[in-house]
Amino acid sequence: MANAKILVVDDEPAIRNLIHRFLLKQNYQMESAEDGKTALQAFERFKPDLVILDVNLPDTTGYQLCQQMQTRTDVFVLMLTSRSDEADKIKGFSLGADDYITKPFSLVELGARVGALLKRQRMVHTTDQHSLCFGNLTIDPVRREVTLDGELVSLTALEFDLLYFLASHPSRVWRRSELLQEVWNYDYVGDQRVVDVHIGQIRRKIEGDGTQPTRIQTVRGVGYKFDPNPLSDTVS
């Protein structure tokens, strides 16, 4: 994505400046911020396509900032943190992060992740985009809204993309690697369990009982499928 806008948010000047200079040389438009308040001001003014966001900030957390930013736009968020615990990654993904890199990191890897994320398209501007209805569940790709029993369901951008993709191919079984390629739109170099995290979040929001899902079913040893008639089928 030529001349994309990137906002770097990190309270460590050395890391912030290193990332800024490196990506500036890759012909991206760059802005930086050292805390949450400054980051939100830059976000509103600069309108970035992607935010590289540190988890630990002096006045807030990257998790909270990620949520705030994604209520305003469908901006891509790459979490950058010294935390490597699985629980921290799951939390980041569940709050809308698109990718996650743990410090210390390679600038080459960071650049590859940034480039890959920016190749994705949040919105697909084609005429074949239409609302999908499955009983009490409606998925509207134009408004990017999901309703259940007439009530709006709050999904992150990635959760919406994943649900819409699965529902657009009802009953087809998809491997995790295929979903990463189709929905994330690149060969994800991290843990493929990122798919499981997002599936779990979607189930929690649209299934009556997330522990016994019927709409998004697990096909053991393979992956996932969307069942258009969950009441008439046997749950996998």
Protein backbone atom coordinates (compact mmCIF):
# COMPACT_ATOMS: atom_id res chain seq x y z
CA MET A 1 0.00 0.00 0.00
CA ALA A 2 2.00 2.94 -1.32
CA ASN A 3 2.41 5.98 0.94
CA ALA A 4 0.32 4.44 3.70
CA LYS A 5 0.10 6.37 6.96
CA ILE A 6 1.55 4.70 10.06
CA LEU A 7 1.39 5.91 13.65
CA VAL A 8 3.98 4.52 16.10
CA VAL A 9 3.02 4.64 19.78
CA ASP A 10 5.76 3.68 22.24
CA ASP A 11 7.02 5.38 25.42
CA GLU A 12 10.62 4.28 24.78
CA PRO A 13 12.24 6.98 22.59
CA ALA A 14 14.93 4.67 21.21
CA ILE A 15 12.42 2.07 19.97
CA ARG A 16 9.94 4.68 18.76
CA ASN A 17 12.56 6.58 16.77
CA LEU A 18 14.12 3.40 15.38
CA ILE A 19 10.78 2.20 13.99
CA HIS A 20 9.92 5.68 12.73
CA ARG A 21 13.17 6.04 10.78
CA PHE A 22 13.10 2.50 9.41
CA LEU A 23 9.55 2.73 8.05
CA LEU A 24 10.10 6.27 6.77
CA LYS A 25 12.80 4.82 4.53
CA GLN A 26 10.20 2.36 3.20
CA ASN A 27 8.24 5.38 1.87
CA TYR A 28 5.50 5.29 4.50
CA GLN A 29 4.11 8.51 5.95
CA MET A 30 5.00 8.47 9.64
CA GLU A 31 3.85 10.02 12.91
CA SER A 32 4.91 9.09 16.45
CA ALA A 33 3.53 9.43 19.96
CA GLU A 34 4.88 8.60 23.41
CA ASP A 35 1.63 8.21 25.38
CA GLY A 36 -2.08 7.60 25.00
CA LYS A 37 -3.18 11.24 25.03
CA THR A 38 -0.70 12.28 22.37
CA ALA A 39 -1.51 9.15 20.35
CA LEU A 40 -5.24 9.91 20.22
CA GLN A 41 -4.56 13.49 19.16
CA ALA A 42 -2.25 12.28 16.39
CA PHE A 43 -4.76 9.60 15.44
CA GLU A 44 -7.55 12.15 14.90
CA ARG A 45 -5.30 14.53 12.97
CA PHE A 46 -3.19 12.06 10.96
CA LYS A 47 -5.86 9.38 10.28
CA PRO A 48 -3.39 6.49 9.99
CA ASP A 49 -3.94 3.29 8.03
CA LEU A 50 -2.02 1.31 10.65
CA VAL A 51 -0.99 1.85 14.27
CA ILE A 52 2.04 0.14 15.80
CA LEU A 53 1.01 0.14 19.43
CA ASP A 54 2.99 -0.68 22.55
CA VAL A 55 1.02 -2.36 25.33
CA ASN A 56 2.64 -0.52 28.24
CA LEU A 57 2.11 3.24 28.12
CA PRO A 58 2.48 5.77 30.96
CA ASP A 59 -1.13 7.00 30.96
CA THR A 60 -3.10 4.03 29.57
CA THR A 61 -2.67 0.55 28.09
CA GLY A 62 -2.30 -0.41 24.47
CA TYR A 63 -5.37 -2.62 24.89
CA GLN A 64 -7.56 0.34 25.86
CA LEU A 65 -6.08 2.51 23.14
CA CYS A 66 -6.69 -0.21 20.54
CA GLN A 67 -10.38 -0.31 21.47
CA GLN A 68 -10.72 3.47 21.42
CA MET A 69 -9.12 3.77 18.00
CA GLN A 70 -11.16 0.97 16.47
CA THR A 71 -14.43 2.53 17.61
CA ARG A 72 -13.50 5.45 15.36
CA THR A 73 -12.18 3.63 12.27
CA ASP A 74 -11.26 0.16 11.04
CA VAL A 75 -7.57 1.00 11.45
CA PHE A 76 -5.11 -1.89 11.47
CA VAL A 77 -3.37 -2.40 14.82
CA LEU A 78 -0.06 -4.19 15.32
CA MET A 79 0.66 -4.71 19.01
CA LEU A 80 4.30 -4.33 20.02
CA THR A 81 5.17 -5.51 23.50
CA SER A 82 7.67 -7.19 25.78
CA ARG A 83 4.95 -9.54 27.01
CA SER A 84 5.11 -13.00 25.49
CA ASP A 85 2.44 -14.79 27.54
CA GLU A 86 -0.27 -16.52 25.52
CA ALA A 87 -2.93 -14.80 27.64
CA ASP A 88 -1.60 -11.37 26.65
CA LYS A 89 -1.73 -12.25 22.97
CA ILE A 90 -5.26 -13.60 23.29
CA LYS A 91 -6.33 -10.41 25.05
CA GLY A 92 -4.80 -8.26 22.32
CA PHE A 93 -6.46 -10.21 19.52
CA SER A 94 -9.80 -10.29 21.30
CA LEU A 95 -9.77 -6.49 21.56
CA GLY A 96 -9.19 -6.03 17.84
CA ALA A 97 -5.44 -6.26 17.26
CA ASP A 98 -4.51 -7.59 13.82
CA ASP A 99 -1.03 -8.81 14.67
CA TYR A 100 1.33 -9.09 17.61
CA ILE A 101 5.14 -8.80 17.79
CA THR A 102 7.15 -9.43 20.93
CA LYS A 103 10.24 -7.40 21.86
CA PRO A 104 13.06 -7.80 21.02
CA PHE A 105 12.15 -7.88 17.34
CA SER A 106 13.80 -7.71 13.95
CA LEU A 107 13.16 -4.59 11.87
CA VAL A 108 13.02 -6.79 8.79
CA GLU A 109 10.28 -8.90 10.38
CA LEU A 110 8.43 -5.78 11.51
CA GLY A 111 8.58 -4.39 7.99
CA ALA A 112 7.25 -7.65 6.57
CA ARG A 113 4.36 -7.72 9.03
CA VAL A 114 3.50 -4.08 8.27
CA GLY A 115 3.58 -4.67 4.52
CA ALA A 116 1.43 -7.78 4.83
CA LEU A 117 -1.19 -6.06 6.98
CA LEU A 118 -1.50 -3.14 4.61
CA LYS A 119 -2.23 -5.50 1.72
CA ARG A 120 -5.47 -6.48 3.42
CA GLN A 121 -8.70 -4.78 2.49
CA ARG A 122 -11.22 -4.03 5.23
CA MET A 123 -13.94 -3.12 2.78
CA VAL A 124 -14.63 -4.98 -0.47
CA HIS A 125 -16.18 -2.59 -2.97
CA THR A 126 -17.87 -5.05 -5.30
CA THR A 127 -21.47 -5.31 -6.36
CA ASP A 128 -21.78 -8.92 -5.22
CA GLN A 129 -21.60 -7.89 -1.57
CA HIS A 130 -25.01 -8.53 -0.07
CA SER A 131 -26.54 -9.12 3.32
CA LEU A 132 -26.63 -12.69 4.56
CA CYS A 133 -29.59 -13.86 6.65
CA PHE A 134 -29.69 -17.07 8.66
CA GLY A 135 -32.82 -17.12 10.79
CA ASN A 136 -32.32 -14.53 13.53
CA LEU A 137 -28.77 -13.71 12.40
CA THR A 138 -28.12 -11.03 9.75
CA ILE A 139 -24.71 -10.00 8.42
CA ASP A 140 -24.58 -6.73 6.46
CA PRO A 141 -21.23 -6.23 4.66
CA VAL A 142 -22.05 -2.72 3.45
CA ARG A 143 -22.68 -1.33 6.93
CA ARG A 144 -20.38 -3.97 8.43
CA GLU A 145 -23.04 -4.76 10.99
CA VAL A 146 -24.25 -8.01 12.52
CA THR A 147 -27.62 -8.29 14.22
CA LEU A 148 -28.96 -11.14 16.33
CA ASP A 149 -32.67 -11.13 17.15
CA GLY A 150 -32.72 -7.55 15.90
CA GLU A 151 -29.99 -6.45 18.31
CA LEU A 152 -26.65 -5.13 17.09
CA VAL A 153 -23.70 -7.41 17.86
CA SER A 154 -20.39 -5.68 18.63
CA LEU A 155 -17.60 -7.30 16.61
CA THR A 156 -14.05 -6.20 15.95
CA ALA A 157 -13.06 -5.62 12.32
CA LEU A 158 -11.31 -8.98 12.07
CA GLU A 159 -14.18 -10.80 13.77
CA PHE A 160 -16.58 -9.35 11.22
CA ASP A 161 -14.31 -10.27 8.30
CA LEU A 162 -13.96 -13.83 9.54
CA LEU A 163 -17.67 -14.33 10.22
CA TYR A 164 -18.71 -12.87 6.88
CA PHE A 165 -16.21 -15.04 5.01
CA LEU A 166 -17.37 -18.24 6.70
CA ALA A 167 -21.04 -17.36 6.26
CA SER A 168 -20.44 -16.56 2.58
CA HIS A 169 -19.34 -20.18 2.08
CA PRO A 170 -21.87 -22.11 4.19
CA SER A 171 -21.12 -25.74 5.00
CA ARG A 172 -17.64 -25.60 3.47
CA VAL A 173 -14.84 -26.70 5.80
CA TRP A 174 -11.84 -24.38 5.99
CA ARG A 175 -8.40 -25.16 7.41
CA ARG A 176 -6.84 -22.57 9.68
CA SER A 177 -4.11 -21.90 7.12
CA GLU A 178 -6.76 -21.28 4.47
CA LEU A 179 -8.65 -18.86 6.69
CA LEU A 180 -5.44 -16.96 7.40
CA GLN A 181 -4.80 -16.67 3.69
CA GLU A 182 -8.37 -15.72 2.76
CA VAL A 183 -9.33 -13.46 5.66
CA TRP A 184 -6.00 -12.08 6.85
CA ASN A 185 -4.99 -12.09 3.17
CA TYR A 186 -1.40 -13.12 3.75
CA ASP A 187 0.73 -16.00 4.93
CA TYR A 188 0.60 -15.37 8.65
CA VAL A 189 3.97 -16.12 10.16
CA GLY A 190 2.76 -16.37 13.74
CA ASP A 191 0.79 -18.95 15.67
CA GLN A 192 -2.21 -20.28 13.72
CA ARG A 193 -4.13 -20.38 16.98
CA VAL A 194 -4.94 -16.75 16.29
CA VAL A 195 -7.82 -18.19 14.25
CA ASP A 196 -9.09 -20.12 17.26
CA VAL A 197 -9.03 -16.95 19.36
CA HIS A 198 -11.20 -15.06 16.91
CA ILE A 199 -13.57 -17.99 16.39
CA GLY A 200 -13.99 -18.20 20.15
CA GLN A 201 -14.81 -14.51 20.39
CA ILE A 202 -17.38 -14.71 17.58
CA ARG A 203 -19.03 -17.75 19.14
CA ARG A 204 -19.30 -15.99 22.48
CA LYS A 205 -21.16 -13.13 20.81
CA ILE A 206 -23.52 -14.91 18.41
CA GLU A 207 -24.09 -18.35 19.93
CA GLY A 208 -26.63 -18.94 22.67
CA ASP A 209 -24.09 -21.21 24.35
CA GLY A 210 -20.49 -20.58 23.33
CA THR A 211 -19.42 -23.90 24.82
CA GLN A 212 -21.76 -25.81 22.49
CA PRO A 213 -21.60 -23.86 19.22
CA THR A 214 -23.98 -24.63 16.41
CA ARG A 215 -23.39 -21.89 13.83
CA ILE A 216 -19.60 -22.07 13.61
CA GLN A 217 -18.68 -25.70 14.02
CA THR A 218 -15.32 -27.31 14.64
CA VAL A 219 -14.38 -30.11 12.26
CA ARG A 220 -11.88 -32.14 14.23
CA GLY A 221 -8.45 -32.35 12.69
CA VAL A 222 -9.37 -29.96 9.90
CA GLY A 223 -10.77 -26.56 10.84
CA TYR A 224 -14.11 -24.76 10.88
CA LYS A 225 -17.33 -24.42 8.94
CA PHE A 226 -20.43 -22.22 9.12
CA ASP A 227 -23.69 -24.14 9.39
CA PRO A 228 -26.58 -22.26 7.71
CA ASN A 229 -29.15 -24.51 9.39
CA PRO A 230 -27.77 -25.11 12.87
CA LEU A 231 -31.00 -26.44 14.35
CA SER A 232 -31.35 -29.18 11.80
CA ASP A 233 -27.75 -30.42 11.84
CA THR A 234 -25.69 -32.34 14.33
CA VAL A 235 -23.08 -30.25 16.08
CA SER A 236 -19.50 -31.30 15.39
